[in-house]
């Protein structure tokens, strides 16, 4: 069985004090990595903490040693103290969210402009694509920011007619980063 491995977990794992009470160890460890990377004091980014979530706003992603982000700036990056089992394209756990606004799907006159058929195709590919047609936002929920970037690029390429939103195309993109 293939397991997805986070590119960011290769460093020594330290638990940040702001998430030391979290129940889900993988989310806790990854949140600690992101807290080190993007800060916890609101100096770099508007950061919001709750008992079970950390959210950074308007984040400029810092490239990884083995991966360069294609979407360089995201509107929201957040980790939730949860463990959502996901088996496509390989077994892994979801808890990391990245949200971007997409001008092509911005609502007009209070009505969503994204083709409902396309939203259905995304749902048929993976449960990790969350489309908000009224806000004109798409959120990727995966196990790390790299997989989220791949997912968001898959959505953008599909919306822009560069690829058909298929399970095969999505799986190839995700597995190519692992």
N, C-alpha and C. Protein backbone atom coordinates (compact mmCIF):
# COMPACT_ATOMS: atom_id res chain seq x y z
N UNK A 1 0.84 -1.18 0.00
CA UNK A 1 0.00 0.00 0.00
C UNK A 1 0.89 1.24 0.00
N UNK A 2 0.60 2.18 -0.88
CA UNK A 2 1.34 3.43 -0.97
C UNK A 2 0.82 4.38 0.09
N UNK A 3 1.72 5.05 0.78
CA UNK A 3 1.32 6.10 1.72
C UNK A 3 1.94 7.41 1.25
N UNK A 4 1.18 8.48 1.31
CA UNK A 4 1.72 9.78 0.94
C UNK A 4 2.61 10.27 2.07
N UNK A 5 3.77 10.79 1.71
CA UNK A 5 4.71 11.31 2.69
C UNK A 5 4.83 12.81 2.51
N UNK A 6 4.68 13.55 3.57
CA UNK A 6 4.81 15.00 3.49
C UNK A 6 6.26 15.37 3.24
N UNK A 7 6.48 16.29 2.31
CA UNK A 7 7.83 16.78 2.06
C UNK A 7 8.35 17.60 3.23
N UNK A 8 7.47 18.07 4.07
CA UNK A 8 7.89 18.93 5.16
C UNK A 8 8.20 18.17 6.44
N UNK A 9 7.89 16.90 6.53
CA UNK A 9 8.12 16.14 7.75
C UNK A 9 9.52 15.58 7.84
N UNK A 10 10.39 15.93 6.90
CA UNK A 10 11.73 15.37 6.91
C UNK A 10 12.61 16.01 7.97
N UNK A 11 12.24 17.19 8.47
CA UNK A 11 12.98 17.82 9.53
C UNK A 11 12.64 17.15 10.86
N UNK A 12 13.45 17.42 11.86
CA UNK A 12 13.14 16.93 13.20
C UNK A 12 11.80 17.51 13.63
N UNK A 13 10.96 16.68 14.21
CA UNK A 13 9.61 17.12 14.57
C UNK A 13 9.59 17.66 16.00
N UNK A 14 9.22 18.94 16.14
CA UNK A 14 9.07 19.58 17.44
C UNK A 14 7.63 20.04 17.56
N UNK A 15 7.07 19.93 18.74
CA UNK A 15 5.69 20.36 18.96
C UNK A 15 5.69 21.77 19.53
N UNK A 16 5.00 22.67 18.84
CA UNK A 16 4.88 24.07 19.26
C UNK A 16 3.92 24.15 20.45
N UNK A 17 4.21 25.02 21.37
CA UNK A 17 3.39 25.14 22.58
C UNK A 17 1.94 25.51 22.28
N UNK A 18 1.69 26.23 21.18
CA UNK A 18 0.32 26.64 20.87
C UNK A 18 -0.56 25.49 20.40
N UNK A 19 0.04 24.36 20.05
CA UNK A 19 -0.76 23.20 19.60
C UNK A 19 -0.46 21.96 20.44
N UNK A 20 0.26 22.12 21.54
CA UNK A 20 0.64 20.95 22.35
C UNK A 20 -0.56 20.24 22.96
N UNK A 21 -1.70 20.91 23.04
CA UNK A 21 -2.92 20.31 23.60
C UNK A 21 -3.78 19.60 22.54
N UNK A 22 -3.42 19.70 21.27
CA UNK A 22 -4.22 19.10 20.20
C UNK A 22 -4.27 17.59 20.34
N UNK A 23 -5.39 17.00 19.93
CA UNK A 23 -5.60 15.55 20.02
C UNK A 23 -4.97 14.79 18.85
N UNK A 24 -5.00 15.39 17.66
CA UNK A 24 -4.53 14.69 16.46
C UNK A 24 -3.06 14.98 16.22
N UNK A 25 -2.24 13.96 16.43
CA UNK A 25 -0.79 14.12 16.43
C UNK A 25 -0.24 14.60 15.09
N UNK A 26 -0.76 14.10 13.97
CA UNK A 26 -0.25 14.53 12.67
C UNK A 26 -0.55 16.00 12.42
N UNK A 27 -1.76 16.42 12.74
CA UNK A 27 -2.12 17.84 12.61
C UNK A 27 -1.26 18.68 13.54
N UNK A 28 -1.04 18.19 14.74
CA UNK A 28 -0.22 18.89 15.73
C UNK A 28 1.22 19.07 15.22
N UNK A 29 1.80 18.01 14.68
CA UNK A 29 3.17 18.07 14.16
C UNK A 29 3.27 19.01 12.96
N UNK A 30 2.31 18.91 12.06
CA UNK A 30 2.38 19.76 10.86
C UNK A 30 2.11 21.22 11.20
N UNK A 31 1.19 21.47 12.12
CA UNK A 31 0.94 22.84 12.58
C UNK A 31 2.21 23.42 13.18
N UNK A 32 2.96 22.62 13.90
CA UNK A 32 4.22 23.08 14.50
C UNK A 32 5.22 23.48 13.42
N UNK A 33 5.29 22.70 12.35
CA UNK A 33 6.17 23.03 11.22
C UNK A 33 5.77 24.37 10.62
N UNK A 34 4.46 24.55 10.39
CA UNK A 34 3.98 25.79 9.78
C UNK A 34 4.12 26.99 10.72
N UNK A 35 3.96 26.78 12.01
CA UNK A 35 4.15 27.87 12.96
C UNK A 35 5.60 28.35 12.92
N UNK A 36 6.54 27.43 12.82
CA UNK A 36 7.94 27.81 12.69
C UNK A 36 8.19 28.56 11.39
N UNK A 37 7.53 28.14 10.34
CA UNK A 37 7.76 28.70 9.01
C UNK A 37 7.07 30.04 8.79
N UNK A 38 5.82 30.16 9.24
CA UNK A 38 5.01 31.35 8.95
C UNK A 38 4.75 32.24 10.16
N UNK A 39 5.20 31.81 11.31
CA UNK A 39 5.10 32.64 12.50
C UNK A 39 3.86 32.39 13.33
N UNK A 40 3.95 32.83 14.57
CA UNK A 40 2.84 32.64 15.50
C UNK A 40 2.46 33.93 16.21
N UNK A 41 3.10 35.03 15.83
CA UNK A 41 2.89 36.26 16.58
C UNK A 41 2.16 37.35 15.80
N UNK A 42 1.73 37.04 14.58
CA UNK A 42 1.02 38.03 13.78
C UNK A 42 1.92 39.06 13.14
N UNK A 43 3.23 38.94 13.33
CA UNK A 43 4.17 39.90 12.73
C UNK A 43 4.24 39.75 11.22
N UNK A 44 4.35 38.51 10.74
CA UNK A 44 4.43 38.25 9.29
C UNK A 44 3.05 38.26 8.65
N UNK A 45 2.10 37.60 9.30
CA UNK A 45 0.76 37.42 8.74
C UNK A 45 -0.28 37.60 9.83
N UNK A 46 -1.47 38.00 9.40
CA UNK A 46 -2.61 38.05 10.31
C UNK A 46 -2.88 36.60 10.70
N UNK A 47 -2.69 36.29 11.96
CA UNK A 47 -2.80 34.91 12.44
C UNK A 47 -3.91 34.84 13.49
N UNK A 48 -4.78 33.85 13.32
CA UNK A 48 -5.90 33.65 14.24
C UNK A 48 -5.77 32.28 14.88
N UNK A 49 -5.89 32.23 16.19
CA UNK A 49 -5.81 30.97 16.93
C UNK A 49 -7.15 30.69 17.60
N UNK A 50 -7.53 29.41 17.61
CA UNK A 50 -8.63 28.96 18.45
C UNK A 50 -8.12 27.70 19.15
N UNK A 51 -8.96 27.05 19.92
CA UNK A 51 -8.53 25.83 20.61
C UNK A 51 -8.17 24.71 19.65
N UNK A 52 -8.76 24.75 18.44
CA UNK A 52 -8.56 23.63 17.52
C UNK A 52 -8.18 24.05 16.10
N UNK A 53 -7.73 25.29 15.94
CA UNK A 53 -7.38 25.74 14.60
C UNK A 53 -6.38 26.89 14.66
N UNK A 54 -5.52 26.93 13.64
CA UNK A 54 -4.64 28.07 13.41
C UNK A 54 -4.88 28.51 11.98
N UNK A 55 -5.06 29.81 11.77
CA UNK A 55 -5.31 30.34 10.43
C UNK A 55 -4.38 31.52 10.18
N UNK A 56 -3.72 31.49 9.02
CA UNK A 56 -2.91 32.60 8.55
C UNK A 56 -3.64 33.19 7.35
N UNK A 57 -3.64 34.53 7.22
CA UNK A 57 -4.30 35.19 6.10
C UNK A 57 -3.27 35.82 5.17
N UNK A 58 -3.59 35.81 3.86
CA UNK A 58 -2.74 36.44 2.84
C UNK A 58 -1.29 35.99 2.94
N UNK A 59 -1.09 34.69 2.79
CA UNK A 59 0.22 34.07 2.97
C UNK A 59 0.98 33.99 1.66
N UNK A 60 2.22 34.44 1.69
CA UNK A 60 3.14 34.23 0.58
C UNK A 60 3.90 32.95 0.91
N UNK A 61 3.64 31.90 0.14
CA UNK A 61 4.23 30.60 0.45
C UNK A 61 5.74 30.61 0.24
N UNK A 62 6.43 29.98 1.15
CA UNK A 62 7.88 29.84 1.09
C UNK A 62 8.18 28.48 0.48
N UNK A 63 8.88 28.48 -0.65
CA UNK A 63 9.18 27.22 -1.35
C UNK A 63 9.86 26.22 -0.43
N UNK A 64 9.61 24.95 -0.71
CA UNK A 64 10.22 23.86 0.04
C UNK A 64 11.57 23.53 -0.60
N UNK A 65 12.36 22.78 0.09
CA UNK A 65 13.65 22.36 -0.45
C UNK A 65 13.47 21.56 -1.74
N UNK A 66 12.42 20.73 -1.78
CA UNK A 66 12.21 19.85 -2.94
C UNK A 66 10.98 20.22 -3.77
N UNK A 67 10.39 21.38 -3.51
CA UNK A 67 9.18 21.74 -4.25
C UNK A 67 9.05 23.26 -4.30
N UNK A 68 8.74 23.78 -5.48
CA UNK A 68 8.47 25.21 -5.63
C UNK A 68 6.98 25.39 -5.89
N UNK A 69 6.36 26.23 -5.08
CA UNK A 69 4.93 26.46 -5.20
C UNK A 69 4.59 27.16 -6.51
N UNK A 70 3.48 26.75 -7.10
CA UNK A 70 2.99 27.39 -8.33
C UNK A 70 2.05 28.53 -7.98
N UNK A 71 1.21 28.32 -6.98
CA UNK A 71 0.37 29.40 -6.44
C UNK A 71 1.21 30.01 -5.31
N UNK A 72 1.78 31.16 -5.56
CA UNK A 72 2.73 31.76 -4.61
C UNK A 72 2.07 32.43 -3.41
N UNK A 73 0.83 32.88 -3.61
CA UNK A 73 0.13 33.58 -2.53
C UNK A 73 -1.26 32.98 -2.38
N UNK A 74 -1.61 32.65 -1.14
CA UNK A 74 -2.94 32.12 -0.88
C UNK A 74 -3.65 33.04 0.12
N UNK A 75 -4.97 33.05 0.03
CA UNK A 75 -5.76 33.94 0.88
C UNK A 75 -5.85 33.43 2.31
N UNK A 76 -5.95 32.12 2.46
CA UNK A 76 -6.02 31.53 3.80
C UNK A 76 -5.24 30.22 3.82
N UNK A 77 -4.51 30.02 4.89
CA UNK A 77 -3.84 28.75 5.17
C UNK A 77 -4.24 28.39 6.58
N UNK A 78 -4.80 27.22 6.77
CA UNK A 78 -5.16 26.84 8.13
C UNK A 78 -5.03 25.35 8.36
N UNK A 79 -4.76 25.05 9.64
CA UNK A 79 -4.66 23.67 10.12
C UNK A 79 -5.74 23.52 11.18
N UNK A 80 -6.47 22.42 11.07
CA UNK A 80 -7.50 22.12 12.06
C UNK A 80 -7.09 20.85 12.80
N UNK A 81 -7.34 20.84 14.09
CA UNK A 81 -7.05 19.66 14.92
C UNK A 81 -8.09 18.60 14.59
N UNK A 82 -7.84 17.93 13.47
CA UNK A 82 -8.74 16.88 12.99
C UNK A 82 -7.90 15.87 12.22
N UNK A 83 -8.49 14.75 11.95
CA UNK A 83 -7.83 13.71 11.16
C UNK A 83 -8.87 13.10 10.24
N UNK A 84 -8.90 13.58 9.00
CA UNK A 84 -9.87 13.09 8.03
C UNK A 84 -9.16 12.05 7.16
N UNK A 85 -9.54 10.79 7.35
CA UNK A 85 -8.94 9.72 6.56
C UNK A 85 -9.33 9.87 5.10
N UNK A 86 -8.35 9.73 4.23
CA UNK A 86 -8.58 9.90 2.80
C UNK A 86 -7.72 8.86 2.08
N UNK A 87 -8.32 8.17 1.12
CA UNK A 87 -7.60 7.07 0.47
C UNK A 87 -7.27 7.31 -1.00
N UNK A 88 -7.44 8.54 -1.49
CA UNK A 88 -7.12 8.80 -2.90
C UNK A 88 -6.19 9.98 -3.02
N UNK A 89 -5.14 9.88 -3.77
CA UNK A 89 -4.72 8.75 -4.60
C UNK A 89 -3.96 7.68 -3.82
N UNK A 90 -3.72 7.92 -2.53
CA UNK A 90 -3.12 6.92 -1.64
C UNK A 90 -3.59 7.24 -0.23
N UNK A 91 -3.43 6.30 0.67
CA UNK A 91 -3.88 6.51 2.05
C UNK A 91 -3.11 7.66 2.70
N UNK A 92 -3.86 8.58 3.31
CA UNK A 92 -3.26 9.68 4.04
C UNK A 92 -4.34 10.32 4.92
N UNK A 93 -3.93 11.33 5.68
CA UNK A 93 -4.84 12.04 6.58
C UNK A 93 -4.86 13.52 6.18
N UNK A 94 -6.07 14.11 6.13
CA UNK A 94 -6.24 15.52 5.78
C UNK A 94 -6.48 16.35 7.04
N UNK A 95 -5.87 17.54 7.08
CA UNK A 95 -6.07 18.50 8.17
C UNK A 95 -5.57 19.90 7.78
N UNK A 96 -4.96 20.02 6.60
CA UNK A 96 -4.37 21.27 6.14
C UNK A 96 -5.21 21.86 5.01
N UNK A 97 -5.56 23.14 5.11
CA UNK A 97 -6.44 23.80 4.15
C UNK A 97 -5.73 25.01 3.54
N UNK A 98 -5.88 25.18 2.22
CA UNK A 98 -5.39 26.37 1.51
C UNK A 98 -6.54 26.90 0.65
N UNK A 99 -6.81 28.20 0.77
CA UNK A 99 -7.92 28.82 0.05
C UNK A 99 -7.41 29.95 -0.83
N UNK A 100 -7.93 29.99 -2.07
CA UNK A 100 -7.63 31.11 -2.97
C UNK A 100 -8.93 31.61 -3.60
N UNK A 101 -8.92 32.89 -3.93
CA UNK A 101 -10.02 33.47 -4.71
C UNK A 101 -9.68 33.26 -6.17
N UNK A 102 -10.69 32.92 -6.97
CA UNK A 102 -10.50 32.71 -8.40
C UNK A 102 -11.43 33.66 -9.14
N UNK A 103 -10.85 34.69 -9.79
CA UNK A 103 -11.69 35.70 -10.45
C UNK A 103 -12.69 35.12 -11.45
N UNK A 104 -12.32 34.05 -12.16
CA UNK A 104 -13.20 33.47 -13.18
C UNK A 104 -14.49 32.90 -12.59
N UNK A 105 -14.51 32.63 -11.30
CA UNK A 105 -15.72 32.05 -10.71
C UNK A 105 -16.36 32.98 -9.69
N UNK A 106 -15.97 34.25 -9.68
CA UNK A 106 -16.59 35.22 -8.76
C UNK A 106 -18.09 35.34 -9.08
N UNK A 107 -18.89 35.35 -8.06
CA UNK A 107 -20.33 35.48 -8.23
C UNK A 107 -20.67 36.84 -8.84
N UNK A 108 -21.71 36.85 -9.62
CA UNK A 108 -22.22 38.10 -10.22
C UNK A 108 -23.70 38.21 -9.88
N UNK A 109 -24.08 39.36 -9.34
CA UNK A 109 -25.48 39.56 -8.97
C UNK A 109 -25.98 38.57 -7.94
N UNK A 110 -25.08 38.14 -7.06
CA UNK A 110 -25.47 37.19 -6.01
C UNK A 110 -25.64 35.77 -6.50
N UNK A 111 -25.18 35.48 -7.73
CA UNK A 111 -25.31 34.13 -8.28
C UNK A 111 -23.94 33.58 -8.64
N UNK A 112 -23.75 32.31 -8.31
CA UNK A 112 -22.51 31.63 -8.64
C UNK A 112 -22.34 31.58 -10.16
N UNK A 113 -21.09 31.72 -10.61
CA UNK A 113 -20.83 31.67 -12.05
C UNK A 113 -20.10 30.40 -12.48
N UNK A 114 -19.68 29.57 -11.53
CA UNK A 114 -18.98 28.35 -11.89
C UNK A 114 -19.99 27.32 -12.41
N UNK A 115 -19.63 26.64 -13.45
CA UNK A 115 -20.48 25.62 -14.05
C UNK A 115 -20.72 24.50 -13.03
N UNK A 116 -21.98 24.25 -12.67
CA UNK A 116 -22.27 23.18 -11.70
C UNK A 116 -21.73 21.82 -12.15
N UNK A 117 -21.67 21.59 -13.45
CA UNK A 117 -21.13 20.33 -13.95
C UNK A 117 -19.65 20.20 -13.59
N UNK A 118 -18.92 21.31 -13.65
CA UNK A 118 -17.50 21.29 -13.29
C UNK A 118 -17.34 21.02 -11.80
N UNK A 119 -18.18 21.62 -10.98
CA UNK A 119 -18.14 21.36 -9.54
C UNK A 119 -18.39 19.87 -9.28
N UNK A 120 -19.34 19.29 -10.00
CA UNK A 120 -19.61 17.86 -9.88
C UNK A 120 -18.42 17.01 -10.29
N UNK A 121 -17.73 17.44 -11.34
CA UNK A 121 -16.53 16.70 -11.77
C UNK A 121 -15.45 16.75 -10.70
N UNK A 122 -15.26 17.93 -10.07
CA UNK A 122 -14.28 18.03 -8.98
C UNK A 122 -14.65 17.09 -7.84
N UNK A 123 -15.93 17.05 -7.51
CA UNK A 123 -16.39 16.16 -6.44
C UNK A 123 -16.16 14.70 -6.79
N UNK A 124 -16.26 14.37 -8.08
CA UNK A 124 -16.01 13.00 -8.52
C UNK A 124 -14.54 12.62 -8.52
N UNK A 125 -13.67 13.63 -8.53
CA UNK A 125 -12.23 13.37 -8.53
C UNK A 125 -11.73 13.13 -7.11
N UNK A 126 -12.05 14.05 -6.21
CA UNK A 126 -11.56 13.95 -4.84
C UNK A 126 -12.46 14.77 -3.91
N UNK A 127 -12.57 14.35 -2.69
CA UNK A 127 -13.30 15.11 -1.69
C UNK A 127 -12.49 16.25 -1.12
N UNK A 128 -11.30 16.46 -1.65
CA UNK A 128 -10.40 17.48 -1.13
C UNK A 128 -10.54 18.84 -1.81
N UNK A 129 -11.48 18.97 -2.74
CA UNK A 129 -11.72 20.24 -3.42
C UNK A 129 -13.05 20.80 -2.95
N UNK A 130 -13.00 21.98 -2.32
CA UNK A 130 -14.19 22.60 -1.77
C UNK A 130 -14.41 23.91 -2.53
N UNK A 131 -15.51 23.99 -3.27
CA UNK A 131 -15.81 25.15 -4.10
C UNK A 131 -16.90 25.98 -3.43
N UNK A 132 -16.65 27.28 -3.28
CA UNK A 132 -17.65 28.22 -2.79
C UNK A 132 -17.94 29.18 -3.93
N UNK A 133 -18.98 28.90 -4.68
CA UNK A 133 -19.31 29.67 -5.87
C UNK A 133 -19.75 31.10 -5.57
N UNK A 134 -20.31 31.34 -4.41
CA UNK A 134 -20.73 32.71 -4.08
C UNK A 134 -19.54 33.59 -3.71
N UNK A 135 -18.59 33.02 -3.00
CA UNK A 135 -17.39 33.79 -2.64
C UNK A 135 -16.36 33.76 -3.77
N UNK A 136 -16.51 32.83 -4.71
CA UNK A 136 -15.52 32.69 -5.77
C UNK A 136 -14.21 32.15 -5.24
N UNK A 137 -14.33 31.25 -4.27
CA UNK A 137 -13.14 30.67 -3.63
C UNK A 137 -13.10 29.17 -3.85
N UNK A 138 -11.89 28.66 -3.86
CA UNK A 138 -11.68 27.22 -3.85
C UNK A 138 -10.71 26.91 -2.72
N UNK A 139 -11.03 25.88 -1.97
CA UNK A 139 -10.18 25.42 -0.89
C UNK A 139 -9.72 24.00 -1.20
N UNK A 140 -8.43 23.77 -0.99
CA UNK A 140 -7.88 22.42 -1.07
C UNK A 140 -7.64 21.95 0.35
N UNK A 141 -8.07 20.73 0.65
CA UNK A 141 -7.83 20.14 1.97
C UNK A 141 -7.04 18.86 1.75
N UNK A 142 -5.81 18.87 2.22
CA UNK A 142 -4.94 17.71 2.04
C UNK A 142 -4.10 17.53 3.31
N UNK A 143 -3.01 16.79 3.17
CA UNK A 143 -2.13 16.51 4.31
C UNK A 143 -0.98 17.48 4.43
N UNK A 144 -0.79 18.37 3.43
CA UNK A 144 0.27 19.37 3.52
C UNK A 144 0.07 20.44 2.45
N UNK A 145 0.84 21.49 2.53
CA UNK A 145 0.69 22.61 1.61
C UNK A 145 1.12 22.26 0.19
N UNK A 146 2.02 21.31 0.05
CA UNK A 146 2.45 20.89 -1.30
C UNK A 146 1.27 20.23 -2.02
N UNK A 147 0.62 19.28 -1.37
CA UNK A 147 -0.55 18.63 -1.98
C UNK A 147 -1.66 19.65 -2.24
N UNK A 148 -1.82 20.62 -1.34
CA UNK A 148 -2.82 21.67 -1.57
C UNK A 148 -2.47 22.49 -2.80
N UNK A 149 -1.19 22.80 -3.00
CA UNK A 149 -0.77 23.56 -4.17
C UNK A 149 -1.06 22.78 -5.45
N UNK A 150 -0.74 21.50 -5.44
CA UNK A 150 -1.03 20.64 -6.60
C UNK A 150 -2.53 20.63 -6.87
N UNK A 151 -3.32 20.51 -5.83
CA UNK A 151 -4.78 20.47 -5.96
C UNK A 151 -5.31 21.79 -6.51
N UNK A 152 -4.85 22.90 -5.98
CA UNK A 152 -5.32 24.20 -6.47
C UNK A 152 -4.92 24.43 -7.92
N UNK A 153 -3.73 23.98 -8.31
CA UNK A 153 -3.31 24.11 -9.71
C UNK A 153 -4.14 23.22 -10.63
N UNK A 154 -4.51 22.06 -10.14
CA UNK A 154 -5.40 21.18 -10.88
C UNK A 154 -6.74 21.89 -11.14
N UNK A 155 -7.27 22.55 -10.11
CA UNK A 155 -8.53 23.29 -10.23
C UNK A 155 -8.37 24.44 -11.23
N UNK A 156 -7.32 25.22 -11.07
CA UNK A 156 -7.09 26.36 -11.98
C UNK A 156 -6.94 25.88 -13.43
N UNK A 157 -6.16 24.82 -13.64
CA UNK A 157 -5.99 24.29 -15.00
C UNK A 157 -7.31 23.79 -15.57
N UNK A 158 -8.14 23.20 -14.73
CA UNK A 158 -9.45 22.71 -15.18
C UNK A 158 -10.38 23.87 -15.53
N UNK A 159 -10.42 24.89 -14.66
CA UNK A 159 -11.27 26.05 -14.92
C UNK A 159 -10.84 26.77 -16.19
N UNK A 160 -9.52 26.81 -16.42
CA UNK A 160 -8.99 27.50 -17.60
C UNK A 160 -8.95 26.62 -18.86
N UNK A 161 -9.52 25.41 -18.77
CA UNK A 161 -9.62 24.54 -19.93
C UNK A 161 -8.33 23.88 -20.37
N UNK A 162 -7.31 23.86 -19.51
CA UNK A 162 -6.03 23.24 -19.85
C UNK A 162 -6.05 21.72 -19.69
N UNK A 163 -6.89 21.23 -18.76
CA UNK A 163 -7.01 19.78 -18.52
C UNK A 163 -8.46 19.44 -18.22
N UNK A 164 -8.79 18.19 -18.45
CA UNK A 164 -10.08 17.66 -18.01
C UNK A 164 -9.92 17.24 -16.55
N UNK A 165 -10.87 17.58 -15.71
CA UNK A 165 -10.77 17.18 -14.31
C UNK A 165 -11.09 15.69 -14.12
N UNK A 166 -10.05 14.87 -14.25
CA UNK A 166 -10.22 13.42 -14.10
C UNK A 166 -9.42 12.91 -12.91
N UNK A 167 -9.83 11.77 -12.39
CA UNK A 167 -9.11 11.14 -11.30
C UNK A 167 -7.67 10.81 -11.72
N UNK A 168 -7.51 10.36 -12.94
CA UNK A 168 -6.18 9.97 -13.42
C UNK A 168 -5.22 11.16 -13.46
N UNK A 169 -5.70 12.29 -13.98
CA UNK A 169 -4.86 13.50 -14.05
C UNK A 169 -4.49 13.98 -12.65
N UNK A 170 -5.46 13.99 -11.76
CA UNK A 170 -5.21 14.44 -10.39
C UNK A 170 -4.22 13.51 -9.68
N UNK A 171 -4.44 12.22 -9.78
CA UNK A 171 -3.57 11.24 -9.12
C UNK A 171 -2.14 11.37 -9.62
N UNK A 172 -1.97 11.52 -10.93
CA UNK A 172 -0.63 11.66 -11.51
C UNK A 172 0.07 12.87 -10.91
N UNK A 173 -0.63 13.99 -10.84
CA UNK A 173 -0.03 15.22 -10.31
C UNK A 173 0.39 15.07 -8.86
N UNK A 174 -0.49 14.50 -8.05
CA UNK A 174 -0.17 14.33 -6.62
C UNK A 174 0.99 13.34 -6.45
N UNK A 175 0.90 12.20 -7.10
CA UNK A 175 1.93 11.17 -6.90
C UNK A 175 3.28 11.59 -7.47
N UNK A 176 3.30 12.48 -8.44
CA UNK A 176 4.57 12.99 -8.98
C UNK A 176 5.35 13.82 -7.96
N UNK A 177 4.69 14.32 -6.91
CA UNK A 177 5.38 15.11 -5.88
C UNK A 177 5.88 14.24 -4.74
N UNK A 178 5.56 12.99 -4.74
CA UNK A 178 5.90 12.12 -3.59
C UNK A 178 7.09 11.25 -3.87
